[in-house]
C-alpha atoms as a PDB file:
ATOM      1  CA  MET A   1      -2.037   1.167  17.567  1.00  0.00           C
ATOM      2  CA  TRP A   2      -2.183  -0.308  14.052  1.00  0.00           C
ATOM      3  CA  SER A   3       1.233  -1.967  14.592  1.00  0.00           C
ATOM      4  CA  VAL A   4      -0.106  -3.915  17.538  1.00  0.00           C
ATOM      5  CA  PHE A   5      -3.418  -4.834  16.044  1.00  0.00           C
ATOM      6  CA  GLU A   6      -1.955  -5.686  12.670  1.00  0.00           C
ATOM      7  CA  ILE A   7      -0.138  -8.716  14.220  1.00  0.00           C
ATOM      8  CA  PHE A   8      -3.430  -9.912  15.707  1.00  0.00           C
ATOM      9  CA  LEU A   9      -5.253  -9.505  12.449  1.00  0.00           C
ATOM     10  CA  PHE A  10      -2.763 -11.522  10.380  1.00  0.00           C
ATOM     11  CA  VAL A  11      -2.359 -14.207  13.081  1.00  0.00           C
ATOM     12  CA  LEU A  12      -6.157 -14.611  13.234  1.00  0.00           C
ATOM     13  CA  VAL A  13      -6.513 -14.771   9.469  1.00  0.00           C
ATOM     14  CA  GLY A  14      -3.642 -17.281   9.158  1.00  0.00           C
ATOM     15  CA  ALA A  15      -5.052 -19.469  11.881  1.00  0.00           C
ATOM     16  CA  SER A  16      -8.254 -19.849   9.850  1.00  0.00           C
ATOM     17  CA  ILE A  17      -6.522 -21.213   6.832  1.00  0.00           C
ATOM     18  CA  GLN A  18      -6.544 -24.907   5.821  1.00  0.00           C
ATOM     19  CA  LEU A  19      -3.154 -25.484   4.207  1.00  0.00           C
ATOM     20  CA  LYS A  20      -4.170 -28.758   2.463  1.00  0.00           C
ATOM     21  CA  ALA A  21      -7.166 -26.976   0.826  1.00  0.00           C
ATOM     22  CA  ILE A  22      -5.239 -23.975  -0.280  1.00  0.00           C
ATOM     23  CA  TRP A  23      -3.098 -25.942  -2.817  1.00  0.00           C
ATOM     24  CA  SER A  24      -6.204 -26.805  -4.891  1.00  0.00           C
ATOM     25  CA  LEU A  25      -7.008 -23.209  -5.222  1.00  0.00           C
ATOM     26  CA  ILE A  26      -3.625 -21.642  -5.682  1.00  0.00           C
ATOM     27  CA  LEU A  27      -3.531 -21.426  -9.498  1.00  0.00           C
ATOM     28  CA  PRO A  28      -7.088 -20.009  -9.955  1.00  0.00           C
ATOM     29  CA  ALA A  29      -6.475 -17.556  -7.135  1.00  0.00           C
ATOM     30  CA  ILE A  30      -3.211 -16.282  -8.624  1.00  0.00           C
ATOM     31  CA  LEU A  31      -4.921 -15.907 -11.998  1.00  0.00           C
ATOM     32  CA  VAL A  32      -7.783 -13.813 -10.425  1.00  0.00           C
ATOM     33  CA  ILE A  33      -5.299 -11.759  -8.489  1.00  0.00           C
ATOM     34  CA  VAL A  34      -3.075 -11.019 -11.584  1.00  0.00           C
ATOM     35  CA  VAL A  35      -6.049 -10.062 -13.691  1.00  0.00           C
ATOM     36  CA  GLY A  36      -7.338  -7.715 -10.845  1.00  0.00           C
ATOM     37  CA  LEU A  37      -3.855  -6.210 -10.375  1.00  0.00           C
ATOM     38  CA  ALA A  38      -3.444  -5.597 -14.254  1.00  0.00           C
ATOM     39  CA  SER A  39      -6.951  -4.006 -14.343  1.00  0.00           C
ATOM     40  CA  ARG A  40      -6.235  -1.849 -11.379  1.00  0.00           C
ATOM     41  CA  PHE A  41      -2.919  -0.767 -12.906  1.00  0.00           C
ATOM     42  CA  ILE A  42      -4.477   0.149 -16.333  1.00  0.00           C
ATOM     43  CA  ALA A  43      -7.323   2.084 -14.639  1.00  0.00           C
ATOM     44  CA  THR A  44      -4.922   3.999 -12.395  1.00  0.00           C
ATOM     45  CA  TYR A  45      -2.654   4.866 -15.284  1.00  0.00           C
ATOM     46  CA  SER A  46      -5.636   5.944 -17.395  1.00  0.00           C
ATOM     47  CA  CYS A  47      -6.889   8.237 -14.792  1.00  0.00           C
ATOM     48  CA  MET A  48      -3.654  10.246 -14.882  1.00  0.00           C
ATOM     49  CA  ILE A  49      -3.318  10.696 -18.639  1.00  0.00           C
ATOM     50  CA  LYS A  50      -4.298  14.327 -18.623  1.00  0.00           C
ATOM     51  CA  THR A  51      -2.159  15.146 -15.654  1.00  0.00           C
ATOM     52  CA  ASN A  52       1.167  17.013 -15.563  1.00  0.00           C
ATOM     53  CA  LEU A  53       3.001  13.880 -14.680  1.00  0.00           C
ATOM     54  CA  ASN A  54       5.331  12.378 -17.101  1.00  0.00           C
ATOM     55  CA  PHE A  55       5.331   8.671 -18.180  1.00  0.00           C
ATOM     56  CA  LYS A  56       7.698   7.532 -15.504  1.00  0.00           C
ATOM     57  CA  GLU A  57       5.812   9.322 -12.775  1.00  0.00           C
ATOM     58  CA  ARG A  58       2.497   7.933 -13.929  1.00  0.00           C
ATOM     59  CA  LEU A  59       4.020   4.432 -13.974  1.00  0.00           C
ATOM     60  CA  PHE A  60       5.159   4.962 -10.398  1.00  0.00           C
ATOM     61  CA  VAL A  61       1.786   6.083  -9.151  1.00  0.00           C
ATOM     62  CA  SER A  62       0.228   3.076 -10.861  1.00  0.00           C
ATOM     63  CA  ILE A  63       2.670   0.834  -9.174  1.00  0.00           C
ATOM     64  CA  SER A  64       2.105   2.456  -5.763  1.00  0.00           C
ATOM     65  CA  PHE A  65      -1.687   2.092  -6.045  1.00  0.00           C
ATOM     66  CA  LEU A  66      -1.461  -1.710  -6.269  1.00  0.00           C
ATOM     67  CA  PRO A  67      -3.044  -3.281  -3.231  1.00  0.00           C
ATOM     68  CA  LYS A  68      -0.841  -3.930  -0.184  1.00  0.00           C
ATOM     69  CA  ALA A  69      -3.003  -6.580   1.579  1.00  0.00           C
ATOM     70  CA  THR A  70      -4.709  -4.636   4.419  1.00  0.00           C
ATOM     71  CA  VAL A  71      -8.155  -4.689   2.642  1.00  0.00           C
ATOM     72  CA  GLN A  72      -7.821  -8.389   1.830  1.00  0.00           C
ATOM     73  CA  ALA A  73      -6.940  -9.244   5.407  1.00  0.00           C
ATOM     74  CA  THR A  74      -9.785  -7.302   6.907  1.00  0.00           C
ATOM     75  CA  ILE A  75     -12.615  -8.467   4.549  1.00  0.00           C
ATOM     76  CA  GLY A  76     -11.282 -11.974   3.689  1.00  0.00           C
ATOM     77  CA  GLY A  77     -13.105 -13.654   6.685  1.00  0.00           C
ATOM     78  CA  GLY A  78     -16.328 -11.739   6.386  1.00  0.00           C
ATOM     79  CA  LEU A  79     -18.267 -14.314   4.363  1.00  0.00           C
ATOM     80  CA  LEU A  80     -16.974 -17.145   6.621  1.00  0.00           C
ATOM     81  CA  ASP A  81     -18.175 -15.214   9.644  1.00  0.00           C
ATOM     82  CA  LEU A  82     -21.575 -14.712   8.170  1.00  0.00           C
ATOM     83  CA  GLY A  83     -21.820 -18.445   7.382  1.00  0.00           C
ATOM     84  CA  ASN A  84     -20.972 -19.258  10.876  1.00  0.00           C
ATOM     85  CA  LYS A  85     -23.514 -16.804  12.320  1.00  0.00           C
ATOM     86  CA  LEU A  86     -26.286 -18.339   9.989  1.00  0.00           C
ATOM     87  CA  ASN A  87     -24.996 -21.851  10.356  1.00  0.00           C
ATOM     88  CA  ASP A  88     -25.155 -22.246   6.566  1.00  0.00           C
ATOM     89  CA  GLN A  89     -22.740 -24.866   5.222  1.00  0.00           C
ATOM     90  CA  ALA A  90     -22.905 -23.444   1.671  1.00  0.00           C
ATOM     91  CA  ILE A  91     -21.917 -19.928   2.912  1.00  0.00           C
ATOM     92  CA  ILE A  92     -19.213 -21.491   5.179  1.00  0.00           C
ATOM     93  CA  ALA A  93     -17.731 -23.397   2.217  1.00  0.00           C
ATOM     94  CA  ALA A  94     -17.742 -20.333   0.134  1.00  0.00           C
ATOM     95  CA  GLY A  95     -16.303 -18.247   2.933  1.00  0.00           C
ATOM     96  CA  LYS A  96     -13.385 -20.668   3.348  1.00  0.00           C
ATOM     97  CA  ILE A  97     -12.553 -20.186  -0.363  1.00  0.00           C
ATOM     98  CA  VAL A  98     -12.732 -16.422  -0.109  1.00  0.00           C
ATOM     99  CA  LEU A  99     -10.507 -16.446   2.997  1.00  0.00           C
ATOM    100  CA  MET A 100      -8.029 -18.697   1.284  1.00  0.00           C
ATOM    101  CA  VAL A 101      -7.830 -16.539  -1.819  1.00  0.00           C
ATOM    102  CA  SER A 102      -7.461 -13.511   0.535  1.00  0.00           C
ATOM    103  CA  VAL A 103      -4.424 -15.101   2.156  1.00  0.00           C
ATOM    104  CA  VAL A 104      -2.928 -15.730  -1.301  1.00  0.00           C
ATOM    105  CA  ALA A 105      -3.552 -12.107  -2.244  1.00  0.00           C
ATOM    106  CA  ILE A 106      -2.021 -10.899   0.964  1.00  0.00           C
ATOM    107  CA  LEU A 107       1.116 -12.967   0.430  1.00  0.00           C
ATOM    108  CA  LEU A 108       1.401 -11.938  -3.249  1.00  0.00           C
ATOM    109  CA  THR A 109       0.362  -8.283  -3.195  1.00  0.00           C
ATOM    110  CA  ALA A 110       2.137  -7.191  -0.034  1.00  0.00           C
ATOM    111  CA  SER A 111       5.426  -8.581  -1.128  1.00  0.00           C
ATOM    112  CA  PHE A 112       5.023  -7.534  -4.702  1.00  0.00           C
ATOM    113  CA  GLY A 113       3.912  -4.009  -3.855  1.00  0.00           C
ATOM    114  CA  ALA A 114       6.630  -3.394  -1.391  1.00  0.00           C
ATOM    115  CA  LEU A 115       9.345  -4.829  -3.672  1.00  0.00           C
ATOM    116  CA  THR A 116       8.260  -2.921  -6.726  1.00  0.00           C
ATOM    117  CA  ILE A 117       7.900   0.361  -4.850  1.00  0.00           C
ATOM    118  CA  ASP A 118      11.476  -0.031  -3.520  1.00  0.00           C
ATOM    119  CA  LEU A 119      12.947  -1.055  -6.763  1.00  0.00           C
ATOM    120  CA  THR A 120      11.261   1.675  -8.874  1.00  0.00           C
ATOM    121  CA  THR A 121      11.220   4.834  -6.677  1.00  0.00           C
ATOM    122  CA  ASN A 122      14.719   6.128  -7.549  1.00  0.00           C
ATOM    123  CA  LYS A 123      14.410   5.041 -11.192  1.00  0.00           C
ATOM    124  CA  LEU A 124      10.961   6.583 -11.855  1.00  0.00           C
ATOM    125  CA  ILE A 125      10.886   9.573  -9.619  1.00  0.00           C
ATOM    126  CA  ASN A 126      13.841  11.853 -10.210  1.00  0.00           C
ATOM    127  CA  ARG A 127      12.710  15.378  -9.615  1.00  0.00           C
ATOM    128  CA  ASP A 128      11.906  17.347  -6.463  1.00  0.00           C
ATOM    129  CA  LEU A 129       8.184  17.970  -6.228  1.00  0.00           C
ATOM    130  CA  VAL A 130       7.295  21.358  -4.953  1.00  0.00           C
ATOM    131  CA  LEU A 131       3.916  21.967  -3.299  1.00  0.00           C
ATOM    132  CA  GLU A 132       1.901  24.783  -4.800  1.00  0.00           C
ATOM    133  CA  ASN A 133       1.981  26.847  -1.671  1.00  0.00           C
ATOM    134  CA  ASN A 134       5.780  26.618  -1.230  1.00  0.00           C
ATOM    135  CA  LYS A 135       6.764  27.992  -4.668  1.00  0.00           C
ATOM    136  CA  PRO A 136       9.104  30.965  -4.457  1.00  0.00           C
ATOM    137  CA  GLU A 137       7.618  34.202  -5.703  1.00  0.00           C
END
């Protein structure tokens, strides 16, 4: 079902965007997204320091935990929706900014996440992982 509804979700989010306004926000949005991605990467890597994973495996897990846009797409219009319900122009203006930054995040993180996972899987993961229950006795 997600495959069908995913199309509607992204079409509806995209239809709400004002392309002229997004250009004034693109650089600050990218900066916020990059700082957020770097923070998430460092936090994810730090959480695995005392695991049995080696450096390359920890690096891959950190890469794979970068956002892939579904959360941004689903919550991006929430503030705009609230502003419309309350008929509050200040909330509507803020909601439009949040929605536009969400769209930039979707475009950047989905493509970046998919590309980096594809490019690094074979280079960083090179051993067969055996589940604890499947070990030979």
